C-alpha atoms as a PDB file:
ATOM      1  CA  MET A   1     147.092  70.909  82.144  1.00  0.00           C
ATOM      2  CA  LYS A   2     146.392  70.592  85.843  1.00  0.00           C
ATOM      3  CA  ILE A   3     145.314  74.026  87.064  1.00  0.00           C
ATOM      4  CA  LEU A   4     144.652  75.263  90.599  1.00  0.00           C
ATOM      5  CA  ILE A   5     142.134  78.122  90.871  1.00  0.00           C
ATOM      6  CA  ILE A   6     142.314  80.144  94.116  1.00  0.00           C
ATOM      7  CA  GLU A   7     139.285  82.430  94.188  1.00  0.00           C
ATOM      8  CA  ASP A   8     136.907  83.260  97.039  1.00  0.00           C
ATOM      9  CA  GLU A   9     134.113  84.519  94.771  1.00  0.00           C
ATOM     10  CA  VAL A  10     132.228  81.316  94.052  1.00  0.00           C
ATOM     11  CA  ARG A  11     130.640  82.558  90.823  1.00  0.00           C
ATOM     12  CA  ILE A  12     133.945  83.656  89.302  1.00  0.00           C
ATOM     13  CA  ALA A  13     135.697  80.462  90.407  1.00  0.00           C
ATOM     14  CA  SER A  14     132.958  78.349  88.822  1.00  0.00           C
ATOM     15  CA  LEU A  15     133.010  80.300  85.554  1.00  0.00           C
ATOM     16  CA  VAL A  16     136.792  80.038  85.246  1.00  0.00           C
ATOM     17  CA  GLN A  17     136.659  76.340  86.120  1.00  0.00           C
ATOM     18  CA  GLN A  18     133.939  75.640  83.571  1.00  0.00           C
ATOM     19  CA  GLY A  19     135.776  77.520  80.842  1.00  0.00           C
ATOM     20  CA  LEU A  20     139.083  75.779  81.516  1.00  0.00           C
ATOM     21  CA  GLU A  21     137.537  72.325  81.699  1.00  0.00           C
ATOM     22  CA  GLU A  22     135.788  72.954  78.387  1.00  0.00           C
ATOM     23  CA  GLN A  23     139.304  73.503  77.013  1.00  0.00           C
ATOM     24  CA  GLY A  24     140.294  70.057  78.300  1.00  0.00           C
ATOM     25  CA  HIS A  25     142.158  71.078  81.442  1.00  0.00           C
ATOM     26  CA  GLN A  26     141.851  69.481  84.893  1.00  0.00           C
ATOM     27  CA  THR A  27     141.001  71.990  87.614  1.00  0.00           C
ATOM     28  CA  VAL A  28     140.824  72.219  91.393  1.00  0.00           C
ATOM     29  CA  ILE A  29     139.327  75.158  93.312  1.00  0.00           C
ATOM     30  CA  ALA A  30     140.382  76.613  96.654  1.00  0.00           C
ATOM     31  CA  HIS A  31     138.246  79.396  98.141  1.00  0.00           C
ATOM     32  CA  ASP A  32     140.830  80.892 100.511  1.00  0.00           C
ATOM     33  CA  GLY A  33     144.515  81.637 100.492  1.00  0.00           C
ATOM     34  CA  LEU A  34     145.592  79.205 103.196  1.00  0.00           C
ATOM     35  CA  ASN A  35     143.955  76.203 101.533  1.00  0.00           C
ATOM     36  CA  GLY A  36     145.198  77.375  98.156  1.00  0.00           C
ATOM     37  CA  LYS A  37     148.775  77.565  99.408  1.00  0.00           C
ATOM     38  CA  LYS A  38     148.456  74.121 100.986  1.00  0.00           C
ATOM     39  CA  LEU A  39     147.220  72.550  97.751  1.00  0.00           C
ATOM     40  CA  ALA A  40     149.837  74.321  95.640  1.00  0.00           C
ATOM     41  CA  LEU A  41     152.690  73.144  97.836  1.00  0.00           C
ATOM     42  CA  GLN A  42     151.398  69.585  98.287  1.00  0.00           C
ATOM     43  CA  LYS A  43     150.663  68.834  94.645  1.00  0.00           C
ATOM     44  CA  ASP A  44     152.172  69.523  91.261  1.00  0.00           C
ATOM     45  CA  TYR A  45     150.124  71.856  89.104  1.00  0.00           C
ATOM     46  CA  ASP A  46     151.110  73.236  85.720  1.00  0.00           C
ATOM     47  CA  LEU A  47     149.494  76.554  86.574  1.00  0.00           C
ATOM     48  CA  VAL A  48     148.001  78.424  89.525  1.00  0.00           C
ATOM     49  CA  ILE A  49     145.424  81.154  88.865  1.00  0.00           C
ATOM     50  CA  SER A  50     144.893  83.174  92.037  1.00  0.00           C
ATOM     51  CA  ASP A  51     142.927  86.201  93.121  1.00  0.00           C
ATOM     52  CA  ILE A  52     144.900  88.671  95.241  1.00  0.00           C
ATOM     53  CA  ILE A  53     142.262  89.664  97.796  1.00  0.00           C
ATOM     54  CA  LEU A  54     141.603  86.375  99.596  1.00  0.00           C
ATOM     55  CA  PRO A  55     140.543  85.371 103.108  1.00  0.00           C
ATOM     56  CA  GLY A  56     143.225  83.814 105.284  1.00  0.00           C
ATOM     57  CA  LEU A  57     146.235  84.691 103.136  1.00  0.00           C
ATOM     58  CA  ASN A  58     146.354  87.135 100.240  1.00  0.00           C
ATOM     59  CA  GLY A  59     147.342  86.100  96.742  1.00  0.00           C
ATOM     60  CA  ILE A  60     150.637  88.012  96.843  1.00  0.00           C
ATOM     61  CA  GLU A  61     151.773  85.937  99.827  1.00  0.00           C
ATOM     62  CA  VAL A  62     150.470  82.736  98.232  1.00  0.00           C
ATOM     63  CA  CYS A  63     152.439  83.541  95.085  1.00  0.00           C
ATOM     64  CA  ARG A  64     155.567  84.289  97.120  1.00  0.00           C
ATOM     65  CA  GLU A  65     155.276  80.951  98.954  1.00  0.00           C
ATOM     66  CA  ILE A  66     154.777  79.069  95.691  1.00  0.00           C
ATOM     67  CA  ARG A  67     157.695  80.792  94.014  1.00  0.00           C
ATOM     68  CA  SER A  68     159.965  79.992  96.960  1.00  0.00           C
ATOM     69  CA  ALA A  69     159.043  76.298  97.094  1.00  0.00           C
ATOM     70  CA  LYS A  70     158.291  75.600  93.424  1.00  0.00           C
ATOM     71  CA  PRO A  71     160.051  78.130  91.194  1.00  0.00           C
ATOM     72  CA  ASP A  72     158.932  76.465  87.953  1.00  0.00           C
ATOM     73  CA  MET A  73     155.196  76.531  88.709  1.00  0.00           C
ATOM     74  CA  ALA A  74     153.388  79.147  86.594  1.00  0.00           C
ATOM     75  CA  VAL A  75     151.272  81.723  88.456  1.00  0.00           C
ATOM     76  CA  ILE A  76     148.737  84.200  87.069  1.00  0.00           C
ATOM     77  CA  LEU A  77     147.167  86.709  89.466  1.00  0.00           C
ATOM     78  CA  LEU A  78     143.585  87.938  89.042  1.00  0.00           C
ATOM     79  CA  THR A  79     142.469  91.064  90.867  1.00  0.00           C
ATOM     80  CA  ALA A  80     140.330  94.170  90.896  1.00  0.00           C
ATOM     81  CA  LEU A  81     143.461  96.131  91.875  1.00  0.00           C
ATOM     82  CA  GLY A  82     144.779  97.593  88.653  1.00  0.00           C
ATOM     83  CA  THR A  83     147.321 100.248  89.623  1.00  0.00           C
ATOM     84  CA  THR A  84     150.945 100.057  88.562  1.00  0.00           C
ATOM     85  CA  ASP A  85     152.052  99.600  92.188  1.00  0.00           C
ATOM     86  CA  ASP A  86     149.693  96.631  92.560  1.00  0.00           C
ATOM     87  CA  LYS A  87     151.095  95.034  89.434  1.00  0.00           C
ATOM     88  CA  VAL A  88     154.661  95.613  90.579  1.00  0.00           C
ATOM     89  CA  ASP A  89     153.844  93.957  93.922  1.00  0.00           C
ATOM     90  CA  GLY A  90     152.452  90.954  92.068  1.00  0.00           C
ATOM     91  CA  PHE A  91     155.428  90.608  89.762  1.00  0.00           C
ATOM     92  CA  ASP A  92     157.856  91.161  92.626  1.00  0.00           C
ATOM     93  CA  ALA A  93     156.186  88.229  94.392  1.00  0.00           C
ATOM     94  CA  GLY A  94     157.001  86.092  91.361  1.00  0.00           C
ATOM     95  CA  ALA A  95     153.784  86.173  89.327  1.00  0.00           C
ATOM     96  CA  ASP A  96     154.168  85.327  85.638  1.00  0.00           C
ATOM     97  CA  ASP A  97     151.254  87.535  84.613  1.00  0.00           C
ATOM     98  CA  TYR A  98     148.556  89.769  86.054  1.00  0.00           C
ATOM     99  CA  LEU A  99     144.966  90.135  84.812  1.00  0.00           C
ATOM    100  CA  VAL A 100     142.618  92.852  86.049  1.00  0.00           C
ATOM    101  CA  LYS A 101     138.952  92.078  86.755  1.00  0.00           C
ATOM    102  CA  PRO A 102     136.571  92.147  85.028  1.00  0.00           C
ATOM    103  CA  PHE A 103     138.163  90.284  82.157  1.00  0.00           C
ATOM    104  CA  ASP A 104     137.024  88.422  79.079  1.00  0.00           C
ATOM    105  CA  PHE A 105     137.683  84.690  79.434  1.00  0.00           C
ATOM    106  CA  ARG A 106     139.292  84.677  75.990  1.00  0.00           C
ATOM    107  CA  GLU A 107     141.891  87.109  77.295  1.00  0.00           C
ATOM    108  CA  LEU A 108     142.653  84.724  80.159  1.00  0.00           C
ATOM    109  CA  LEU A 109     143.225  81.912  77.638  1.00  0.00           C
ATOM    110  CA  VAL A 110     145.610  84.136  75.665  1.00  0.00           C
ATOM    111  CA  ARG A 111     147.534  84.991  78.851  1.00  0.00           C
ATOM    112  CA  ILE A 112     147.710  81.307  79.816  1.00  0.00           C
ATOM    113  CA  ARG A 113     149.107  80.344  76.416  1.00  0.00           C
ATOM    114  CA  ALA A 114     151.664  83.149  76.567  1.00  0.00           C
ATOM    115  CA  VAL A 115     152.817  82.212  80.072  1.00  0.00           C
ATOM    116  CA  MET A 116     153.099  78.519  79.254  1.00  0.00           C
ATOM    117  CA  ASN A 117     155.003  79.267  76.041  1.00  0.00           C
ATOM    118  CA  ARG A 118     157.477  81.336  78.037  1.00  0.00           C
ATOM    119  CA  LYS A 119     157.780  78.463  80.470  1.00  0.00           C
ATOM    120  CA  GLY A 120     158.544  76.084  77.626  1.00  0.00           C
ATOM    121  CA  GLY A 121     155.030  74.947  76.758  1.00  0.00           C
ATOM    122  CA  THR A 122     152.764  72.815  78.888  1.00  0.00           C
ATOM    123  CA  SER A 123     155.419  70.224  79.539  1.00  0.00           C
ATOM    124  CA  ILE A 124     156.644  71.698  82.815  1.00  0.00           C
ATOM    125  CA  ALA A 125     158.495  68.920  84.567  1.00  0.00           C
ATOM    126  CA  LYS A 126     156.424  67.439  87.325  1.00  0.00           C
ATOM    127  CA  SER A 127     158.002  66.233  90.490  1.00  0.00           C
ATOM    128  CA  ASP A 128     158.898  62.572  90.490  1.00  0.00           C
ATOM    129  CA  ILE A 129     157.793  62.446  94.104  1.00  0.00           C
ATOM    130  CA  LEU A 130     154.244  62.759  95.429  1.00  0.00           C
ATOM    131  CA  LYS A 131     153.995  63.742  99.083  1.00  0.00           C
ATOM    132  CA  TYR A 132     151.063  63.973 101.448  1.00  0.00           C
ATOM    133  CA  ALA A 133     151.493  64.244 105.222  1.00  0.00           C
ATOM    134  CA  ASP A 134     154.235  61.699 106.063  1.00  0.00           C
ATOM    135  CA  LEU A 135     153.519  59.547 103.000  1.00  0.00           C
ATOM    136  CA  GLU A 136     155.790  59.649  99.957  1.00  0.00           C
ATOM    137  CA  LEU A 137     155.460  58.008  96.538  1.00  0.00           C
ATOM    138  CA  ASN A 138     158.407  58.075  94.134  1.00  0.00           C
ATOM    139  CA  ASN A 139     157.100  57.723  90.585  1.00  0.00           C
ATOM    140  CA  GLN A 140     160.533  56.846  89.204  1.00  0.00           C
ATOM    141  CA  THR A 141     161.529  54.110  91.631  1.00  0.00           C
ATOM    142  CA  LYS A 142     157.910  53.139  92.500  1.00  0.00           C
ATOM    143  CA  ILE A 143     158.931  53.153  96.163  1.00  0.00           C
ATOM    144  CA  VAL A 144     156.295  54.130  98.727  1.00  0.00           C
ATOM    145  CA  SER A 145     157.222  55.056 102.271  1.00  0.00           C
ATOM    146  CA  ARG A 146     155.483  56.473 105.302  1.00  0.00           C
ATOM    147  CA  SER A 147     157.470  58.087 108.101  1.00  0.00           C
ATOM    148  CA  GLY A 148     160.539  56.602 106.444  1.00  0.00           C
ATOM    149  CA  LYS A 149     159.151  53.047 106.494  1.00  0.00           C
ATOM    150  CA  GLU A 150     159.024  51.431 103.058  1.00  0.00           C
ATOM    151  CA  ILE A 151     155.679  49.930 102.017  1.00  0.00           C
ATOM    152  CA  ASN A 152     155.410  47.241  99.344  1.00  0.00           C
ATOM    153  CA  LEU A 153     152.476  47.684  96.951  1.00  0.00           C
ATOM    154  CA  THR A 154     151.291  45.764  93.912  1.00  0.00           C
ATOM    155  CA  PRO A 155     151.196  47.709  90.606  1.00  0.00           C
ATOM    156  CA  LYS A 156     147.418  48.195  90.868  1.00  0.00           C
ATOM    157  CA  GLU A 157     147.629  49.293  94.508  1.00  0.00           C
ATOM    158  CA  LEU A 158     150.343  51.733  93.477  1.00  0.00           C
ATOM    159  CA  LYS A 159     148.184  53.169  90.702  1.00  0.00           C
ATOM    160  CA  LEU A 160     145.225  53.488  93.092  1.00  0.00           C
ATOM    161  CA  LEU A 161     147.362  55.244  95.693  1.00  0.00           C
ATOM    162  CA  GLU A 162     148.826  57.605  93.095  1.00  0.00           C
ATOM    163  CA  TYR A 163     145.342  58.624  91.928  1.00  0.00           C
ATOM    164  CA  MET A 164     144.121  59.161  95.485  1.00  0.00           C
ATOM    165  CA  MET A 165     147.177  61.252  96.362  1.00  0.00           C
ATOM    166  CA  GLN A 166     146.751  63.354  93.219  1.00  0.00           C
ATOM    167  CA  ASN A 167     143.123  63.954  94.223  1.00  0.00           C
ATOM    168  CA  SER A 168     143.541  64.232  97.980  1.00  0.00           C
ATOM    169  CA  GLU A 169     140.878  65.905 100.132  1.00  0.00           C
ATOM    170  CA  ARG A 170     138.229  65.275  97.461  1.00  0.00           C
ATOM    171  CA  VAL A 171     135.564  62.581  97.627  1.00  0.00           C
ATOM    172  CA  LEU A 172     136.177  59.961  94.928  1.00  0.00           C
ATOM    173  CA  SER A 173     133.241  57.836  93.870  1.00  0.00           C
ATOM    174  CA  ARG A 174     133.632  54.159  93.036  1.00  0.00           C
ATOM    175  CA  ALA A 175     132.658  54.961  89.454  1.00  0.00           C
ATOM    176  CA  GLU A 176     135.425  57.562  89.137  1.00  0.00           C
ATOM    177  CA  ILE A 177     138.033  55.236  90.616  1.00  0.00           C
ATOM    178  CA  ALA A 178     136.950  52.415  88.297  1.00  0.00           C
ATOM    179  CA  GLU A 179     137.218  54.692  85.267  1.00  0.00           C
ATOM    180  CA  LYS A 180     140.479  56.457  86.141  1.00  0.00           C
ATOM    181  CA  VAL A 181     142.418  53.589  87.741  1.00  0.00           C
ATOM    182  CA  TRP A 182     140.949  50.524  86.027  1.00  0.00           C
ATOM    183  CA  ASP A 183     139.793  52.110  82.758  1.00  0.00           C
ATOM    184  CA  THR A 184     136.428  50.436  83.139  1.00  0.00           C
ATOM    185  CA  HIS A 185     132.865  51.268  84.117  1.00  0.00           C
ATOM    186  CA  PHE A 186     131.933  50.432  87.680  1.00  0.00           C
ATOM    187  CA  ASP A 187     129.679  47.404  88.043  1.00  0.00           C
ATOM    188  CA  THR A 188     127.481  47.942  91.094  1.00  0.00           C
ATOM    189  CA  GLY A 189     127.199  44.179  91.417  1.00  0.00           C
ATOM    190  CA  THR A 190     130.880  43.864  92.325  1.00  0.00           C
ATOM    191  CA  ASN A 191     132.950  45.183  95.202  1.00  0.00           C
ATOM    192  CA  PHE A 192     136.433  45.091  93.683  1.00  0.00           C
ATOM    193  CA  ILE A 193     136.997  48.787  94.420  1.00  0.00           C
ATOM    194  CA  ASP A 194     136.264  48.227  98.112  1.00  0.00           C
ATOM    195  CA  VAL A 195     138.542  45.190  98.133  1.00  0.00           C
ATOM    196  CA  TYR A 196     141.477  47.161  96.759  1.00  0.00           C
ATOM    197  CA  ILE A 197     140.758  50.092  99.077  1.00  0.00           C
ATOM    198  CA  ASN A 198     140.940  47.658 101.989  1.00  0.00           C
ATOM    199  CA  TYR A 199     144.209  46.192 100.691  1.00  0.00           C
ATOM    200  CA  LEU A 200     145.663  49.680 100.447  1.00  0.00           C
ATOM    201  CA  ARG A 201     144.289  50.798 103.807  1.00  0.00           C
ATOM    202  CA  LYS A 202     145.936  47.850 105.584  1.00  0.00           C
ATOM    203  CA  LYS A 203     149.305  48.728 104.101  1.00  0.00           C
ATOM    204  CA  ILE A 204     149.094  52.514 104.348  1.00  0.00           C
ATOM    205  CA  ASP A 205     147.121  53.110 107.549  1.00  0.00           C
ATOM    206  CA  ARG A 206     147.112  50.034 109.782  1.00  0.00           C
ATOM    207  CA  ASP A 207     150.352  50.774 111.647  1.00  0.00           C
ATOM    208  CA  PHE A 208     149.779  54.518 111.979  1.00  0.00           C
ATOM    209  CA  THR A 209     147.648  56.616 114.334  1.00  0.00           C
ATOM    210  CA  VAL A 210     146.745  59.202 111.704  1.00  0.00           C
ATOM    211  CA  LYS A 211     144.644  57.631 108.959  1.00  0.00           C
ATOM    212  CA  LEU A 212     144.738  58.792 105.350  1.00  0.00           C
ATOM    213  CA  ILE A 213     142.088  56.661 103.606  1.00  0.00           C
ATOM    214  CA  HIS A 214     138.500  57.226 104.725  1.00  0.00           C
ATOM    215  CA  THR A 215     135.141  55.896 103.587  1.00  0.00           C
ATOM    216  CA  LYS A 216     132.278  58.306 102.927  1.00  0.00           C
ATOM    217  CA  PRO A 217     129.130  56.139 103.210  1.00  0.00           C
ATOM    218  CA  GLY A 218     127.022  56.337 100.079  1.00  0.00           C
ATOM    219  CA  LEU A 219     129.563  58.554  98.324  1.00  0.00           C
ATOM    220  CA  GLY A 220     132.921  56.826  98.035  1.00  0.00           C
ATOM    221  CA  PHE A 221     136.331  57.489  99.547  1.00  0.00           C
ATOM    222  CA  ILE A 222     138.509  60.421 100.495  1.00  0.00           C
ATOM    223  CA  PHE A 223     142.260  60.670 101.011  1.00  0.00           C
ATOM    224  CA  LYS A 224     143.012  63.119 103.790  1.00  0.00           C
ATOM    225  CA  GLU A 225     144.909  63.421 107.050  1.00  0.00           C
ATOM    226  CA  GLU A 226     142.657  62.589 109.987  1.00  0.00           C
ATOM    227  CA  ALA A 227     143.248  60.854 113.326  1.00  0.00           C
END
């Protein structure tokens, strides 16, 4: 599953991430409520695991926003607040389950399985449409548009764009792109990744003031909204 972890305590976030990835899940971490809400609403996750006490926006409000925009997305709240009233607030906001800190990671796995089974397993339907800023990619029709203007992409450009949109605001190395998009190991003696990035950049960014594809020298590339 693709799981978003919203937790401001770095140690706890890292432990949960490590445990989930050891179970084969893909994870993303947000360390505050505002960024967590943004990621949850921009992308399609199977599950969101969120602390309640967060900087910027508390987990109850994050859960409420998620439930309003994406009613099928599973949400588990983690918190040190264990009173009945706190739990009622969480469930009223739309949480699927509520786990009080400190907890055993095995208990979290049990709760995740129970929630996903209630939701119909891990096959929660993902949106056919990826959106980021004013860019939209329809996975069914394979149509890409930005500000309503249709953009023609080759199949490989489309696959590259889809991967970058699914991993927006995270630096992607050439090696990762080669492995995930081309199913190959990156050969440092070639520049085919850069060539395709340039192809995509010309089509996606050239006619727009706000750029979405950026180069991080020595590191790779990042897909994010930046003038």
